[in-house]
Amino acid sequence: MTEREFAIEVVARLQKAGHQAFWAGGCVRDELLGLPPADYDIATNAHPERVQELFKRSHGFGASFGVVEVLGPRGPDGVWLKVQVATFRSDGTYSDGRRPDHVVFSSPEEDAARRDFTINGLFYDPVAEQLFDFVGGKADIDARILRAIGDPSQRFAEDKLRILRAVRMAARFQLQLDPDTFAAARRMVEQVAVVSSERIAEELRKILVHHHRVAGLQLIREFGLLEPILPELVCMIGIPQGLPTAPTGDLWDHTLRVIAELRGSLWPEPAAVSFPLAFATLLHDIGKPGTFARTPDRYTFHHHEHLGGRIAASICKRLRLSNAESDRIVWLVQHHQYLADAPIMRLSRLKPILIHPGIGELLALHRADALATGKSTDHVTFCEKLLEESRPEDLNPAPLFTGDDLRKMGLPPSPEYKRLLDAAREAQLEGTIRTHAQAAELIRHLLDSSHTPHSGGPPLTPS
């Protein structure tokens, strides 16, 4: 059974028990747009306790808002099927600008009226195959318009995140903004600051992983949302790109061009654009405004990747991203120029990057950056070929020399360990030493040349 078939079955059982029941919201919109719904939501006049009577395998996790999750059998992919069943409701006041203080169970017409946009206010009876449209959503879908239901100022006042959701919906479905809806959003855009960082981050995630991400970012700027949610990006606007004699737009334009070229991870196998990759691409040049300078013939941004990494870390912390996502984003920003000279780079510098778990995303960022600026992607091809032709043990061999070996030489633990071990590792990755004995010889040479004393223990015997 598919999720769609299960969603039909749940509606049929509710109707058989004497209740109204329809598919509601996004699944109806997506089917009318010819898109596969991500999930199916059901709206009914049955109260939560009645829903749980009819469906024993259910959870009333949102019962205070009239929401019950109904569990079904395993789907074709082996995952348990589930749908959310919500009682028709109207919302009370939104004193915090984020969620209703209370809800009142109501009718389908009142339930539709409290939703955000007309395209999300539709109901569909999959048993009778009948559409119920109380808000003009079908006409707006046909006209490709995103319009708030009722008074747009009231809709946005109820939940300020709806302003960012308007961006996501318009970009994702390529819709034109209703003028009144757009104007109301622009008037209230600074109030998005009351929304939690987690909810803002989730909307950004949905915008950036979608293939219409550039349109979403353009709308974020047009709405005036950069200032309240990503103020660090504002200073990118107006920073010149290209040569002074041949400008190619500003830094914001360049960033959008790079994002437009993004095609996802390239290693170890093709993958869709992840949120860390997309967000790092948005932030990859965030350090340029703070390092901007000009010589007679060019603009310079020395060490902007290091400043960019620090700014990216601050943004990730503010948005409360996970440690794993934050670490990957910062690493990508810090290394977005690292592979530019890969074909002539020393192997001891290149190999440690190639074995990093994020190398596929870094290659994707390098490729997009090169394509956006009309430069060669030979450095990306070089790295891909090296990855394909190398065994893991070639790129990341077991160290030939360790701290235990230094202690056996009679060298007391000290900061000198790092210099010696790093030198041995570098030579190993370069291929100039390949055995434990050769590493020992190198260490002895370094000790003799630096006159580093040791405890007089037995000398290391090559083995």
Foldseek 3Di string as FASTA:
>chain_A
DALVVVLLVLQVLCVVVPKHKWWFFPCVLQVLVVHHDPHTEMEIQDALVVSCVSAVQKACPVNQQQKIKGWDPQDPVRHIHIYIYGYQWAAAAQPLQAGGPGIGGDDLLRSLQLDFWQSGSKTANPVVRDIDRNFCNVVCSVVQETETGDQLLVNCSNHVCVLLVSLQVCQQSVGHYDVRNLVSLLVCLLVNLSPALQSVVVSLQSLQLHLSNLSSVVVCVVSVVCVNQPVLCPLQQPAWDDKPVDTDHTRQVLLSQLSNQFAQFPPPHGDGNGSLLRVLSSQLQSQQSVQWDDDPIGIDRPQSLVVSLVVLLVSCVRSVPDPVSSVSSSVLSNCLPVLVVVVPDQQLSVLVLLPDPCNRSSLSSNVSSQVSVVHDSVSSVVSVVCVVPDDPCLSPNDQLDDPVLVVQQQADDDPVRVVLSSVSSSCVSNVVDPHNQVSLVSSVVVCVVVVRDGDPHDHDDGD
